[in-house]
Amino acid sequence: MISRPREANDYPDRVIDCQEAMEPGFQAIVDCMLEAAWSRGETLRSLKRLIAADNMTQKENARTETQLAIARAMMRAGKPL
């Protein structure tokens, strides 16, 4: 079970609390990868790449949503795309 934030809104130690909540799952992933014969370095580099790929995906999704919102607004205004 992953613990929830202490408060619904932002608070000074929220990121630390998130990190602590994530720690057991992180260790479980690393342990499983080591048991499957991947090295710790490979595992950590791969996790970094997954995080980077997720960040790029989120940016692209936001860019696409912005473009769609602009296109919808132009269509409502009767302007050609």
PDB file of N, CA and C in Angstrom:
ATOM      1  N   MET A   1       0.842  -1.184   0.000  1.00  0.00           N
ATOM      2  CA  MET A   1       0.000   0.000   0.000  1.00  0.00           C
ATOM      3  C   MET A   1       0.883   1.242   0.000  1.00  0.00           C
ATOM      4  N   ILE A   2       0.584   2.142  -0.888  1.00  0.00           N
ATOM      5  CA  ILE A   2       1.339   3.390  -0.978  1.00  0.00           C
ATOM      6  C   ILE A   2       0.659   4.435  -0.106  1.00  0.00           C
ATOM      7  N   SER A   3       1.438   5.079   0.744  1.00  0.00           N
ATOM      8  CA  SER A   3       0.866   6.096   1.625  1.00  0.00           C
ATOM      9  C   SER A   3       0.497   7.348   0.833  1.00  0.00           C
ATOM     10  N   ARG A   4      -0.526   8.014   1.302  1.00  0.00           N
ATOM     11  CA  ARG A   4      -1.024   9.238   0.660  1.00  0.00           C
ATOM     12  C   ARG A   4      -0.306  10.459   1.239  1.00  0.00           C
ATOM     13  N   PRO A   5      -0.393  11.599   0.538  1.00  0.00           N
ATOM     14  CA  PRO A   5       0.171  12.831   1.113  1.00  0.00           C
ATOM     15  C   PRO A   5      -0.541  13.174   2.423  1.00  0.00           C
ATOM     16  N   ARG A   6       0.166  13.850   3.304  1.00  0.00           N
ATOM     17  CA  ARG A   6      -0.433  14.245   4.592  1.00  0.00           C
ATOM     18  C   ARG A   6      -1.516  15.287   4.412  1.00  0.00           C
ATOM     19  N   GLU A   7      -1.409  16.092   3.350  1.00  0.00           N
ATOM     20  CA  GLU A   7      -2.381  17.147   3.085  1.00  0.00           C
ATOM     21  C   GLU A   7      -2.746  17.121   1.604  1.00  0.00           C
ATOM     22  N   ALA A   8      -3.937  17.610   1.281  1.00  0.00           N
ATOM     23  CA  ALA A   8      -4.369  17.648  -0.113  1.00  0.00           C
ATOM     24  C   ALA A   8      -3.605  18.717  -0.904  1.00  0.00           C
ATOM     25  N   ASN A   9      -3.285  19.800  -0.263  1.00  0.00           N
ATOM     26  CA  ASN A   9      -2.588  20.904  -0.928  1.00  0.00           C
ATOM     27  C   ASN A   9      -1.079  20.769  -0.763  1.00  0.00           C
ATOM     28  N   ASP A  10      -0.349  21.647  -1.438  1.00  0.00           N
ATOM     29  CA  ASP A  10       1.108  21.648  -1.354  1.00  0.00           C
ATOM     30  C   ASP A  10       1.553  21.971   0.072  1.00  0.00           C
ATOM     31  N   TYR A  11       2.642  21.339   0.506  1.00  0.00           N
ATOM     32  CA  TYR A  11       3.238  21.638   1.804  1.00  0.00           C
ATOM     33  C   TYR A  11       4.741  21.397   1.690  1.00  0.00           C
ATOM     34  N   PRO A  12       5.538  21.964   2.581  1.00  0.00           N
ATOM     35  CA  PRO A  12       7.000  21.961   2.420  1.00  0.00           C
ATOM     36  C   PRO A  12       7.651  20.593   2.184  1.00  0.00           C
ATOM     37  N   ASP A  13       7.219  19.551   2.855  1.00  0.00           N
ATOM     38  CA  ASP A  13       7.878  18.244   2.718  1.00  0.00           C
ATOM     39  C   ASP A  13       7.133  17.284   1.809  1.00  0.00           C
ATOM     40  N   ARG A  14       6.260  17.781   0.959  1.00  0.00           N
ATOM     41  CA  ARG A  14       5.431  16.914   0.127  1.00  0.00           C
ATOM     42  C   ARG A  14       6.282  16.022  -0.798  1.00  0.00           C
ATOM     43  N   VAL A  15       7.311  16.585  -1.422  1.00  0.00           N
ATOM     44  CA  VAL A  15       8.157  15.799  -2.320  1.00  0.00           C
ATOM     45  C   VAL A  15       8.921  14.728  -1.536  1.00  0.00           C
ATOM     46  N   ILE A  16       9.383  15.067  -0.346  1.00  0.00           N
ATOM     47  CA  ILE A  16      10.068  14.079   0.496  1.00  0.00           C
ATOM     48  C   ILE A  16       9.106  12.960   0.869  1.00  0.00           C
ATOM     49  N   ASP A  17       7.873  13.319   1.228  1.00  0.00           N
ATOM     50  CA  ASP A  17       6.867  12.311   1.555  1.00  0.00           C
ATOM     51  C   ASP A  17       6.582  11.416   0.351  1.00  0.00           C
ATOM     52  N   CYS A  18       6.524  11.997  -0.845  1.00  0.00           N
ATOM     53  CA  CYS A  18       6.310  11.221  -2.066  1.00  0.00           C
ATOM     54  C   CYS A  18       7.468  10.248  -2.268  1.00  0.00           C
ATOM     55  N   GLN A  19       8.664  10.735  -2.093  1.00  0.00           N
ATOM     56  CA  GLN A  19       9.856   9.886  -2.240  1.00  0.00           C
ATOM     57  C   GLN A  19       9.820   8.726  -1.257  1.00  0.00           C
ATOM     58  N   GLU A  20       9.461   8.999  -0.029  1.00  0.00           N
ATOM     59  CA  GLU A  20       9.388   7.936   0.981  1.00  0.00           C
ATOM     60  C   GLU A  20       8.289   6.926   0.633  1.00  0.00           C
ATOM     61  N   ALA A  21       7.180   7.406   0.091  1.00  0.00           N
ATOM     62  CA  ALA A  21       6.089   6.504  -0.301  1.00  0.00           C
ATOM     63  C   ALA A  21       6.505   5.617  -1.472  1.00  0.00           C
ATOM     64  N   MET A  22       7.356   6.148  -2.334  1.00  0.00           N
ATOM     65  CA  MET A  22       7.798   5.431  -3.527  1.00  0.00           C
ATOM     66  C   MET A  22       8.942   4.456  -3.246  1.00  0.00           C
ATOM     67  N   GLU A  23       9.675   4.676  -2.197  1.00  0.00           N
ATOM     68  CA  GLU A  23      10.891   3.906  -1.911  1.00  0.00           C
ATOM     69  C   GLU A  23      10.685   2.391  -1.920  1.00  0.00           C
ATOM     70  N   PRO A  24       9.686   1.836  -1.244  1.00  0.00           N
ATOM     71  CA  PRO A  24       9.543   0.367  -1.269  1.00  0.00           C
ATOM     72  C   PRO A  24       9.318  -0.183  -2.682  1.00  0.00           C
ATOM     73  N   GLY A  25       8.508   0.491  -3.475  1.00  0.00           N
ATOM     74  CA  GLY A  25       8.265   0.049  -4.849  1.00  0.00           C
ATOM     75  C   GLY A  25       9.519   0.149  -5.696  1.00  0.00           C
ATOM     76  N   PHE A  26      10.264   1.221  -5.506  1.00  0.00           N
ATOM     77  CA  PHE A  26      11.519   1.407  -6.227  1.00  0.00           C
ATOM     78  C   PHE A  26      12.483   0.270  -5.897  1.00  0.00           C
ATOM     79  N   GLN A  27      12.631  -0.022  -4.602  1.00  0.00           N
ATOM     80  CA  GLN A  27      13.536  -1.100  -4.193  1.00  0.00           C
ATOM     81  C   GLN A  27      13.072  -2.443  -4.749  1.00  0.00           C
ATOM     82  N   ALA A  28      11.767  -2.659  -4.811  1.00  0.00           N
ATOM     83  CA  ALA A  28      11.236  -3.907  -5.362  1.00  0.00           C
ATOM     84  C   ALA A  28      11.586  -4.037  -6.841  1.00  0.00           C
ATOM     85  N   ILE A  29      11.475  -2.929  -7.592  1.00  0.00           N
ATOM     86  CA  ILE A  29      11.837  -2.952  -9.014  1.00  0.00           C
ATOM     87  C   ILE A  29      13.316  -3.268  -9.173  1.00  0.00           C
ATOM     88  N   VAL A  30      14.161  -2.580  -8.418  1.00  0.00           N
ATOM     89  CA  VAL A  30      15.603  -2.816  -8.509  1.00  0.00           C
ATOM     90  C   VAL A  30      15.926  -4.265  -8.145  1.00  0.00           C
ATOM     91  N   ASP A  31      15.334  -4.754  -7.078  1.00  0.00           N
ATOM     92  CA  ASP A  31      15.595  -6.140  -6.667  1.00  0.00           C
ATOM     93  C   ASP A  31      15.175  -7.135  -7.754  1.00  0.00           C
ATOM     94  N   CYS A  32      14.009  -6.917  -8.351  1.00  0.00           N
ATOM     95  CA  CYS A  32      13.543  -7.811  -9.427  1.00  0.00           C
ATOM     96  C   CYS A  32      14.482  -7.771 -10.625  1.00  0.00           C
ATOM     97  N   MET A  33      14.974  -6.592 -10.968  1.00  0.00           N
ATOM     98  CA  MET A  33      15.889  -6.460 -12.095  1.00  0.00           C
ATOM     99  C   MET A  33      17.213  -7.172 -11.802  1.00  0.00           C
ATOM    100  N   LEU A  34      17.708  -7.041 -10.578  1.00  0.00           N
ATOM    101  CA  LEU A  34      18.946  -7.717 -10.198  1.00  0.00           C
ATOM    102  C   LEU A  34      18.760  -9.233 -10.228  1.00  0.00           C
ATOM    103  N   GLU A  35      17.621  -9.704  -9.760  1.00  0.00           N
ATOM    104  CA  GLU A  35      17.336 -11.144  -9.796  1.00  0.00           C
ATOM    105  C   GLU A  35      17.258 -11.664 -11.224  1.00  0.00           C
ATOM    106  N   ALA A  36      16.852 -10.796 -12.152  1.00  0.00           N
ATOM    107  CA  ALA A  36      16.753 -11.188 -13.558  1.00  0.00           C
ATOM    108  C   ALA A  36      18.085 -11.027 -14.289  1.00  0.00           C
ATOM    109  N   ALA A  37      19.149 -10.752 -13.550  1.00  0.00           N
ATOM    110  CA  ALA A  37      20.523 -10.662 -14.061  1.00  0.00           C
ATOM    111  C   ALA A  37      20.861  -9.340 -14.737  1.00  0.00           C
ATOM    112  N   TRP A  38      20.061  -8.293 -14.522  1.00  0.00           N
ATOM    113  CA  TRP A  38      20.446  -6.959 -14.975  1.00  0.00           C
ATOM    114  C   TRP A  38      21.308  -6.340 -13.890  1.00  0.00           C
ATOM    115  N   SER A  39      22.270  -5.519 -14.280  1.00  0.00           N
ATOM    116  CA  SER A  39      23.114  -4.881 -13.270  1.00  0.00           C
ATOM    117  C   SER A  39      22.386  -3.676 -12.671  1.00  0.00           C
ATOM    118  N   ARG A  40      22.878  -3.249 -11.516  1.00  0.00           N
ATOM    119  CA  ARG A  40      22.292  -2.074 -10.861  1.00  0.00           C
ATOM    120  C   ARG A  40      22.447  -0.835 -11.751  1.00  0.00           C
ATOM    121  N   GLY A  41      23.621  -0.690 -12.369  1.00  0.00           N
ATOM    122  CA  GLY A  41      23.859   0.455 -13.251  1.00  0.00           C
ATOM    123  C   GLY A  41      22.913   0.473 -14.444  1.00  0.00           C
ATOM    124  N   GLU A  42      22.728  -0.699 -15.070  1.00  0.00           N
ATOM    125  CA  GLU A  42      21.797  -0.793 -16.208  1.00  0.00           C
ATOM    126  C   GLU A  42      20.380  -0.442 -15.775  1.00  0.00           C
ATOM    127  N   THR A  43      20.016  -0.946 -14.613  1.00  0.00           N
ATOM    128  CA  THR A  43      18.666  -0.697 -14.105  1.00  0.00           C
ATOM    129  C   THR A  43      18.446   0.787 -13.851  1.00  0.00           C
ATOM    130  N   LEU A  44      19.382   1.423 -13.182  1.00  0.00           N
ATOM    131  CA  LEU A  44      19.224   2.843 -12.862  1.00  0.00           C
ATOM    132  C   LEU A  44      19.266   3.714 -14.119  1.00  0.00           C
ATOM    133  N   ARG A  45      20.148   3.384 -15.060  1.00  0.00           N
ATOM    134  CA  ARG A  45      20.182   4.138 -16.325  1.00  0.00           C
ATOM    135  C   ARG A  45      18.875   3.976 -17.083  1.00  0.00           C
ATOM    136  N   SER A  46      18.342   2.777 -17.072  1.00  0.00           N
ATOM    137  CA  SER A  46      17.079   2.527 -17.767  1.00  0.00           C
ATOM    138  C   SER A  46      15.931   3.282 -17.113  1.00  0.00           C
ATOM    139  N   LEU A  47      15.913   3.330 -15.791  1.00  0.00           N
ATOM    140  CA  LEU A  47      14.877   4.101 -15.099  1.00  0.00           C
ATOM    141  C   LEU A  47      14.979   5.588 -15.453  1.00  0.00           C
ATOM    142  N   LYS A  48      16.195   6.104 -15.520  1.00  0.00           N
ATOM    143  CA  LYS A  48      16.386   7.513 -15.905  1.00  0.00           C
ATOM    144  C   LYS A  48      15.851   7.756 -17.311  1.00  0.00           C
ATOM    145  N   ARG A  49      16.117   6.822 -18.221  1.00  0.00           N
ATOM    146  CA  ARG A  49      15.630   6.966 -19.593  1.00  0.00           C
ATOM    147  C   ARG A  49      14.112   6.883 -19.656  1.00  0.00           C
ATOM    148  N   LEU A  50      13.526   6.010 -18.840  1.00  0.00           N
ATOM    149  CA  LEU A  50      12.063   5.934 -18.802  1.00  0.00           C
ATOM    150  C   LEU A  50      11.460   7.243 -18.296  1.00  0.00           C
ATOM    151  N   ILE A  51      12.081   7.833 -17.294  1.00  0.00           N
ATOM    152  CA  ILE A  51      11.612   9.119 -16.768  1.00  0.00           C
ATOM    153  C   ILE A  51      11.735  10.192 -17.839  1.00  0.00           C
ATOM    154  N   ALA A  52      12.853  10.227 -18.540  1.00  0.00           N
ATOM    155  CA  ALA A  52      13.051  11.212 -19.607  1.00  0.00           C
ATOM    156  C   ALA A  52      12.025  11.013 -20.720  1.00  0.00           C
ATOM    157  N   ALA A  53      11.760   9.772 -21.090  1.00  0.00           N
ATOM    158  CA  ALA A  53      10.770   9.492 -22.136  1.00  0.00           C
ATOM    159  C   ALA A  53       9.381   9.921 -21.687  1.00  0.00           C
ATOM    160  N   ASP A  54       9.054   9.680 -20.431  1.00  0.00           N
ATOM    161  CA  ASP A  54       7.751  10.107 -19.916  1.00  0.00           C
ATOM    162  C   ASP A  54       7.636  11.631 -19.932  1.00  0.00           C
ATOM    163  N   ASN A  55       8.705  12.327 -19.555  1.00  0.00           N
ATOM    164  CA  ASN A  55       8.694  13.794 -19.595  1.00  0.00           C
ATOM    165  C   ASN A  55       8.462  14.304 -21.014  1.00  0.00           C
ATOM    166  N   MET A  56       9.138  13.696 -21.991  1.00  0.00           N
ATOM    167  CA  MET A  56       8.952  14.110 -23.384  1.00  0.00           C
ATOM    168  C   MET A  56       7.524  13.839 -23.842  1.00  0.00           C
ATOM    169  N   THR A  57       6.973  12.702 -23.449  1.00  0.00           N
ATOM    170  CA  THR A  57       5.595  12.370 -23.814  1.00  0.00           C
ATOM    171  C   THR A  57       4.623  13.386 -23.224  1.00  0.00           C
ATOM    172  N   GLN A  58       4.825  13.741 -21.970  1.00  0.00           N
ATOM    173  CA  GLN A  58       3.945  14.726 -21.329  1.00  0.00           C
ATOM    174  C   GLN A  58       4.032  16.077 -22.029  1.00  0.00           C
ATOM    175  N   LYS A  59       5.231  16.499 -22.422  1.00  0.00           N
ATOM    176  CA  LYS A  59       5.398  17.771 -23.134  1.00  0.00           C
ATOM    177  C   LYS A  59       4.711  17.733 -24.487  1.00  0.00           C
ATOM    178  N   GLU A  60       4.883  16.629 -25.208  1.00  0.00           N
ATOM    179  CA  GLU A  60       4.247  16.500 -26.520  1.00  0.00           C
ATOM    180  C   GLU A  60       2.727  16.471 -26.394  1.00  0.00           C
ATOM    181  N   ASN A  61       2.220  15.774 -25.380  1.00  0.00           N
ATOM    182  CA  ASN A  61       0.778  15.746 -25.161  1.00  0.00           C
ATOM    183  C   ASN A  61       0.243  17.139 -24.856  1.00  0.00           C
ATOM    184  N   ALA A  62       0.962  17.898 -24.050  1.00  0.00           N
ATOM    185  CA  ALA A  62       0.539  19.258 -23.727  1.00  0.00           C
ATOM    186  C   ALA A  62       0.559  20.133 -24.978  1.00  0.00           C
ATOM    187  N   ARG A  63       1.589  19.976 -25.803  1.00  0.00           N
ATOM    188  CA  ARG A  63       1.687  20.744 -27.043  1.00  0.00           C
ATOM    189  C   ARG A  63       0.521  20.401 -27.973  1.00  0.00           C
ATOM    190  N   THR A  64       0.198  19.125 -28.086  1.00  0.00           N
ATOM    191  CA  THR A  64      -0.911  18.697 -28.939  1.00  0.00           C
ATOM    192  C   THR A  64      -2.232  19.243 -28.412  1.00  0.00           C
ATOM    193  N   GLU A  65      -2.442  19.184 -27.115  1.00  0.00           N
ATOM    194  CA  GLU A  65      -3.672  19.726 -26.524  1.00  0.00           C
ATOM    195  C   GLU A  65      -3.801  21.223 -26.794  1.00  0.00           C
ATOM    196  N   THR A  66      -2.692  21.941 -26.720  1.00  0.00           N
ATOM    197  CA  THR A  66      -2.709  23.376 -27.009  1.00  0.00           C
ATOM    198  C   THR A  66      -3.076  23.625 -28.466  1.00  0.00           C
ATOM    199  N   GLN A  67      -2.479  22.868 -29.364  1.00  0.00           N
ATOM    200  CA  GLN A  67      -2.783  23.021 -30.790  1.00  0.00           C
ATOM    201  C   GLN A  67      -4.244  22.698 -31.079  1.00  0.00           C
ATOM    202  N   LEU A  68      -4.766  21.664 -30.440  1.00  0.00           N
ATOM    203  CA  LEU A  68      -6.171  21.320 -30.613  1.00  0.00           C
ATOM    204  C   LEU A  68      -7.089  22.419 -30.086  1.00  0.00           C
ATOM    205  N   ALA A  69      -6.746  22.984 -28.950  1.00  0.00           N
ATOM    206  CA  ALA A  69      -7.556  24.059 -28.377  1.00  0.00           C
ATOM    207  C   ALA A  69      -7.570  25.271 -29.306  1.00  0.00           C
ATOM    208  N   ILE A  70      -6.427  25.596 -29.889  1.00  0.00           N
ATOM    209  CA  ILE A  70      -6.349  26.725 -30.830  1.00  0.00           C
ATOM    210  C   ILE A  70      -7.186  26.425 -32.070  1.00  0.00           C
ATOM    211  N   ALA A  71      -7.071  25.213 -32.596  1.00  0.00           N
ATOM    212  CA  ALA A  71      -7.846  24.841 -33.790  1.00  0.00           C
ATOM    213  C   ALA A  71      -9.334  24.889 -33.502  1.00  0.00           C
ATOM    214  N   ARG A  72      -9.768  24.403 -32.342  1.00  0.00           N
ATOM    215  CA  ARG A  72     -11.192  24.456 -31.977  1.00  0.00           C
ATOM    216  C   ARG A  72     -11.678  25.890 -31.866  1.00  0.00           C
ATOM    217  N   ALA A  73     -10.857  26.737 -31.238  1.00  0.00           N
ATOM    218  CA  ALA A  73     -11.235  28.145 -31.086  1.00  0.00           C
ATOM    219  C   ALA A  73     -11.350  28.815 -32.446  1.00  0.00           C
ATOM    220  N   MET A  74     -10.441  28.510 -33.358  1.00  0.00           N
ATOM    221  CA  MET A  74     -10.484  29.102 -34.700  1.00  0.00           C
ATOM    222  C   MET A  74     -11.720  28.608 -35.450  1.00  0.00           C
ATOM    223  N   MET A  75     -12.075  27.345 -35.283  1.00  0.00           N
ATOM    224  CA  MET A  75     -13.251  26.801 -35.955  1.00  0.00           C
ATOM    225  C   MET A  75     -14.516  27.470 -35.418  1.00  0.00           C
ATOM    226  N   ARG A  76     -14.583  27.653 -34.099  1.00  0.00           N
ATOM    227  CA  ARG A  76     -15.748  28.326 -33.501  1.00  0.00           C
ATOM    228  C   ARG A  76     -15.855  29.765 -33.992  1.00  0.00           C
ATOM    229  N   ALA A  77     -14.709  30.395 -34.205  1.00  0.00           N
ATOM    230  CA  ALA A  77     -14.692  31.787 -34.678  1.00  0.00           C
ATOM    231  C   ALA A  77     -14.922  31.873 -36.182  1.00  0.00           C
ATOM    232  N   GLY A  78     -15.004  30.723 -36.848  1.00  0.00           N
ATOM    233  CA  GLY A  78     -15.237  30.705 -38.277  1.00  0.00           C
ATOM    234  C   GLY A  78     -14.009  31.045 -39.113  1.00  0.00           C
ATOM    235  N   LYS A  79     -12.849  30.886 -38.525  1.00  0.00           N
ATOM    236  CA  LYS A  79     -11.603  31.169 -39.240  1.00  0.00           C
ATOM    237  C   LYS A  79     -11.051  29.865 -39.804  1.00  0.00           C
ATOM    238  N   PRO A  80     -10.513  29.926 -41.035  1.00  0.00           N
ATOM    239  CA  PRO A  80      -9.920  28.723 -41.607  1.00  0.00           C
ATOM    240  C   PRO A  80      -8.633  28.345 -40.871  1.00  0.00           C
ATOM    241  N   LEU A  81      -8.379  27.046 -40.842  1.00  0.00           N
ATOM    242  CA  LEU A  81      -7.145  26.561 -40.217  1.00  0.00           C
ATOM    243  C   LEU A  81      -6.064  26.737 -41.196  1.00  0.00           C
TER     244      LEU A  81
END
